[in-house]
Amino acid sequence: MEWENLLSDTIVDGKIRELYLKKIPVLRTCNNWKEVEPIGWVDHKMSLSHYKGGLVRLGDKIFFVKDITINALSAYMEWKFPQKIEVTED
């Protein structure tokens, strides 16, 4: 898909546009969580939603993982997010 290719390069200098953040799919489950690579932490409140969690890379795709999922999995794996991602409004 075109959106998947566009979203793979959306994070530039630790920033992501709010429009792109809305388009990133949420990763709820996966076969092997050890293959998930943390990119950065997001904590951004929008008018109708609150994005709090991490952006991760699985294969060549980017996903958003909610903080509830991260907390549940923290007993089994260690999450180290290298940076905090700033969300810019359009």
N, C-alpha and C. Protein backbone atom coordinates (compact mmCIF):
# COMPACT_ATOMS: atom_id res chain seq x y z
N MET A 1 0.83 -1.19 0.00
CA MET A 1 0.00 0.00 0.00
C MET A 1 0.87 1.25 0.00
N GLU A 2 0.34 2.33 -0.54
CA GLU A 2 1.08 3.58 -0.58
C GLU A 2 1.26 4.18 0.81
N TRP A 3 0.21 4.11 1.65
CA TRP A 3 0.31 4.70 2.98
C TRP A 3 1.39 4.03 3.80
N GLU A 4 1.54 2.73 3.66
CA GLU A 4 2.58 2.02 4.42
C GLU A 4 3.96 2.50 4.02
N ASN A 5 4.17 2.75 2.74
CA ASN A 5 5.46 3.27 2.28
C ASN A 5 5.69 4.70 2.76
N LEU A 6 4.64 5.53 2.76
CA LEU A 6 4.77 6.89 3.23
C LEU A 6 5.04 6.95 4.73
N LEU A 7 4.36 6.11 5.47
CA LEU A 7 4.49 6.14 6.92
C LEU A 7 5.84 5.64 7.41
N SER A 8 6.53 4.85 6.61
CA SER A 8 7.82 4.32 7.05
C SER A 8 8.87 5.42 7.19
N ASP A 9 8.66 6.58 6.55
CA ASP A 9 9.62 7.69 6.62
C ASP A 9 9.02 8.94 7.24
N THR A 10 8.03 8.79 8.13
CA THR A 10 7.33 9.95 8.66
C THR A 10 8.05 10.64 9.81
N ILE A 11 8.93 9.94 10.50
CA ILE A 11 9.61 10.53 11.65
C ILE A 11 10.91 11.17 11.17
N VAL A 12 10.97 12.50 11.25
CA VAL A 12 12.14 13.25 10.81
C VAL A 12 12.61 14.12 11.96
N ASP A 13 13.84 13.95 12.37
CA ASP A 13 14.45 14.73 13.46
C ASP A 13 13.64 14.66 14.75
N GLY A 14 13.08 13.49 15.05
CA GLY A 14 12.34 13.31 16.29
C GLY A 14 10.96 13.95 16.28
N LYS A 15 10.44 14.26 15.09
CA LYS A 15 9.12 14.90 14.97
C LYS A 15 8.26 14.11 13.98
N ILE A 16 6.94 14.14 14.23
CA ILE A 16 5.99 13.52 13.33
C ILE A 16 4.77 14.44 13.25
N ARG A 17 4.18 14.54 12.08
CA ARG A 17 2.99 15.36 11.91
C ARG A 17 1.78 14.63 12.50
N GLU A 18 0.87 15.39 13.07
CA GLU A 18 -0.33 14.84 13.68
C GLU A 18 -1.15 14.03 12.68
N LEU A 19 -1.22 14.47 11.44
CA LEU A 19 -1.95 13.77 10.40
C LEU A 19 -1.38 12.37 10.18
N TYR A 20 -0.07 12.24 10.17
CA TYR A 20 0.57 10.94 9.97
C TYR A 20 0.38 10.03 11.19
N LEU A 21 0.41 10.62 12.38
CA LEU A 21 0.22 9.83 13.59
C LEU A 21 -1.15 9.17 13.61
N LYS A 22 -2.15 9.89 13.12
CA LYS A 22 -3.51 9.33 13.06
C LYS A 22 -3.61 8.15 12.11
N LYS A 23 -2.76 8.11 11.10
CA LYS A 23 -2.81 7.06 10.08
C LYS A 23 -2.02 5.80 10.45
N ILE A 24 -1.16 5.89 11.46
CA ILE A 24 -0.33 4.75 11.84
C ILE A 24 -1.20 3.70 12.53
N PRO A 25 -1.14 2.45 12.08
CA PRO A 25 -1.96 1.40 12.70
C PRO A 25 -1.47 1.04 14.10
N VAL A 26 -2.40 0.59 14.93
CA VAL A 26 -2.09 0.19 16.31
C VAL A 26 -1.73 -1.29 16.31
N LEU A 27 -0.61 -1.61 16.93
CA LEU A 27 -0.17 -3.00 17.06
C LEU A 27 -0.70 -3.54 18.39
N ARG A 28 -1.62 -4.48 18.30
CA ARG A 28 -2.23 -5.05 19.49
C ARG A 28 -1.62 -6.39 19.86
N THR A 29 -1.25 -7.15 18.87
CA THR A 29 -0.67 -8.46 19.10
C THR A 29 0.34 -8.77 18.00
N CYS A 30 1.25 -9.67 18.32
CA CYS A 30 2.24 -10.08 17.34
C CYS A 30 2.80 -11.43 17.75
N ASN A 31 3.35 -12.16 16.80
CA ASN A 31 3.85 -13.51 17.07
C ASN A 31 5.09 -13.50 17.96
N ASN A 32 5.97 -12.54 17.76
CA ASN A 32 7.20 -12.47 18.53
C ASN A 32 7.49 -11.01 18.88
N TRP A 33 7.21 -10.62 20.11
CA TRP A 33 7.42 -9.24 20.53
C TRP A 33 8.90 -8.88 20.59
N LYS A 34 9.77 -9.86 20.61
CA LYS A 34 11.21 -9.58 20.64
C LYS A 34 11.69 -8.97 19.32
N GLU A 35 10.92 -9.15 18.24
CA GLU A 35 11.28 -8.58 16.95
C GLU A 35 10.88 -7.11 16.82
N VAL A 36 10.10 -6.61 17.77
CA VAL A 36 9.64 -5.23 17.73
C VAL A 36 10.76 -4.30 18.19
N GLU A 37 11.05 -3.30 17.37
CA GLU A 37 12.13 -2.35 17.65
C GLU A 37 11.55 -1.00 18.05
N PRO A 38 11.75 -0.54 19.29
CA PRO A 38 11.23 0.76 19.72
C PRO A 38 11.89 1.91 18.97
N ILE A 39 11.08 2.88 18.55
CA ILE A 39 11.59 4.07 17.87
C ILE A 39 11.56 5.28 18.79
N GLY A 40 10.40 5.50 19.42
CA GLY A 40 10.28 6.66 20.29
C GLY A 40 8.96 6.68 21.04
N TRP A 41 8.91 7.46 22.11
CA TRP A 41 7.74 7.58 22.96
C TRP A 41 6.90 8.76 22.51
N VAL A 42 5.58 8.58 22.49
CA VAL A 42 4.64 9.64 22.09
C VAL A 42 3.67 9.87 23.23
N ASP A 43 3.46 11.13 23.57
CA ASP A 43 2.43 11.51 24.54
C ASP A 43 1.80 12.79 24.01
N HIS A 44 0.69 12.64 23.28
CA HIS A 44 0.08 13.78 22.59
C HIS A 44 -1.43 13.71 22.71
N LYS A 45 -2.03 14.79 23.18
CA LYS A 45 -3.48 14.86 23.32
C LYS A 45 -4.05 15.62 22.13
N MET A 46 -5.01 14.97 21.46
CA MET A 46 -5.72 15.61 20.35
C MET A 46 -7.12 15.98 20.84
N SER A 47 -7.92 16.53 19.96
CA SER A 47 -9.24 16.99 20.38
C SER A 47 -10.15 15.83 20.80
N LEU A 48 -10.05 14.68 20.14
CA LEU A 48 -10.92 13.55 20.46
C LEU A 48 -10.19 12.32 20.99
N SER A 49 -8.87 12.33 21.01
CA SER A 49 -8.13 11.16 21.45
C SER A 49 -6.82 11.58 22.13
N HIS A 50 -6.22 10.61 22.80
CA HIS A 50 -4.94 10.85 23.46
C HIS A 50 -3.99 9.73 23.07
N TYR A 51 -2.95 10.07 22.36
CA TYR A 51 -1.94 9.09 21.96
C TYR A 51 -0.86 9.05 23.03
N LYS A 52 -0.84 7.97 23.79
CA LYS A 52 0.18 7.77 24.80
C LYS A 52 0.70 6.36 24.64
N GLY A 53 1.94 6.26 24.22
CA GLY A 53 2.53 4.96 23.96
C GLY A 53 3.79 5.11 23.12
N GLY A 54 4.14 4.07 22.41
CA GLY A 54 5.38 4.09 21.66
C GLY A 54 5.20 3.80 20.19
N LEU A 55 6.04 4.43 19.40
CA LEU A 55 6.13 4.09 17.98
C LEU A 55 7.19 3.02 17.86
N VAL A 56 6.86 1.96 17.14
CA VAL A 56 7.78 0.84 16.99
C VAL A 56 7.88 0.44 15.53
N ARG A 57 8.94 -0.27 15.22
CA ARG A 57 9.13 -0.79 13.87
C ARG A 57 9.10 -2.31 13.96
N LEU A 58 8.29 -2.92 13.11
CA LEU A 58 8.22 -4.37 13.00
C LEU A 58 8.41 -4.71 11.53
N GLY A 59 9.56 -5.29 11.23
CA GLY A 59 9.90 -5.50 9.82
C GLY A 59 10.24 -4.15 9.21
N ASP A 60 9.53 -3.78 8.15
CA ASP A 60 9.75 -2.47 7.53
C ASP A 60 8.57 -1.54 7.73
N LYS A 61 7.67 -1.87 8.66
CA LYS A 61 6.48 -1.07 8.90
C LYS A 61 6.52 -0.43 10.29
N ILE A 62 5.85 0.71 10.42
CA ILE A 62 5.78 1.42 11.69
C ILE A 62 4.39 1.20 12.29
N PHE A 63 4.37 0.97 13.62
CA PHE A 63 3.12 0.78 14.34
C PHE A 63 3.14 1.62 15.61
N PHE A 64 1.95 1.83 16.17
CA PHE A 64 1.81 2.49 17.46
C PHE A 64 1.38 1.44 18.48
N VAL A 65 2.06 1.39 19.63
CA VAL A 65 1.72 0.46 20.70
C VAL A 65 1.26 1.29 21.89
N LYS A 66 0.05 1.03 22.37
CA LYS A 66 -0.51 1.78 23.49
C LYS A 66 0.27 1.49 24.76
N ASP A 67 0.25 2.47 25.67
CA ASP A 67 0.98 2.32 26.93
C ASP A 67 0.45 1.17 27.78
N ILE A 68 -0.82 0.84 27.66
CA ILE A 68 -1.39 -0.30 28.40
C ILE A 68 -0.75 -1.60 27.94
N THR A 69 -0.56 -1.75 26.64
CA THR A 69 0.09 -2.94 26.09
C THR A 69 1.56 -3.00 26.53
N ILE A 70 2.22 -1.86 26.51
CA ILE A 70 3.63 -1.81 26.92
C ILE A 70 3.77 -2.20 28.39
N ASN A 71 2.88 -1.69 29.24
CA ASN A 71 2.93 -2.04 30.67
C ASN A 71 2.66 -3.52 30.89
N ALA A 72 1.72 -4.10 30.14
CA ALA A 72 1.41 -5.52 30.29
C ALA A 72 2.59 -6.39 29.86
N LEU A 73 3.31 -5.97 28.84
CA LEU A 73 4.44 -6.77 28.33
C LEU A 73 5.75 -6.49 29.06
N SER A 74 5.78 -5.46 29.89
CA SER A 74 7.04 -5.10 30.55
C SER A 74 7.53 -6.18 31.51
N ALA A 75 6.65 -7.07 31.93
CA ALA A 75 7.08 -8.18 32.80
C ALA A 75 7.89 -9.20 32.01
N TYR A 76 7.71 -9.23 30.70
CA TYR A 76 8.36 -10.23 29.85
C TYR A 76 9.51 -9.67 29.02
N MET A 77 9.51 -8.37 28.79
CA MET A 77 10.57 -7.77 27.99
C MET A 77 10.81 -6.34 28.45
N GLU A 78 11.98 -5.84 28.14
CA GLU A 78 12.35 -4.48 28.54
C GLU A 78 12.18 -3.54 27.35
N TRP A 79 11.44 -2.48 27.58
CA TRP A 79 11.21 -1.48 26.53
C TRP A 79 12.16 -0.31 26.77
N LYS A 80 12.97 0.01 25.79
CA LYS A 80 13.86 1.17 25.87
C LYS A 80 13.58 2.05 24.66
N PHE A 81 12.86 3.13 24.89
CA PHE A 81 12.57 4.06 23.81
C PHE A 81 13.68 5.10 23.77
N PRO A 82 14.40 5.19 22.65
CA PRO A 82 15.58 6.05 22.60
C PRO A 82 15.29 7.55 22.62
N GLN A 83 14.06 7.96 22.27
CA GLN A 83 13.77 9.38 22.21
C GLN A 83 12.29 9.63 22.44
N LYS A 84 11.96 10.88 22.71
CA LYS A 84 10.57 11.28 22.80
C LYS A 84 10.23 11.96 21.49
N ILE A 85 9.17 11.48 20.85
CA ILE A 85 8.76 12.01 19.55
C ILE A 85 7.85 13.21 19.77
N GLU A 86 8.17 14.33 19.16
CA GLU A 86 7.34 15.53 19.23
C GLU A 86 6.32 15.48 18.10
N VAL A 87 5.07 15.77 18.41
CA VAL A 87 4.01 15.77 17.41
C VAL A 87 3.72 17.21 17.02
N THR A 88 3.81 17.49 15.72
CA THR A 88 3.53 18.83 15.22
C THR A 88 2.14 18.85 14.62
N GLU A 89 1.40 19.91 14.93
CA GLU A 89 0.05 20.04 14.40
C GLU A 89 0.12 20.60 12.99
N ASP A 90 -0.87 20.23 12.21
CA ASP A 90 -0.90 20.67 10.81
C ASP A 90 -1.37 22.09 10.68
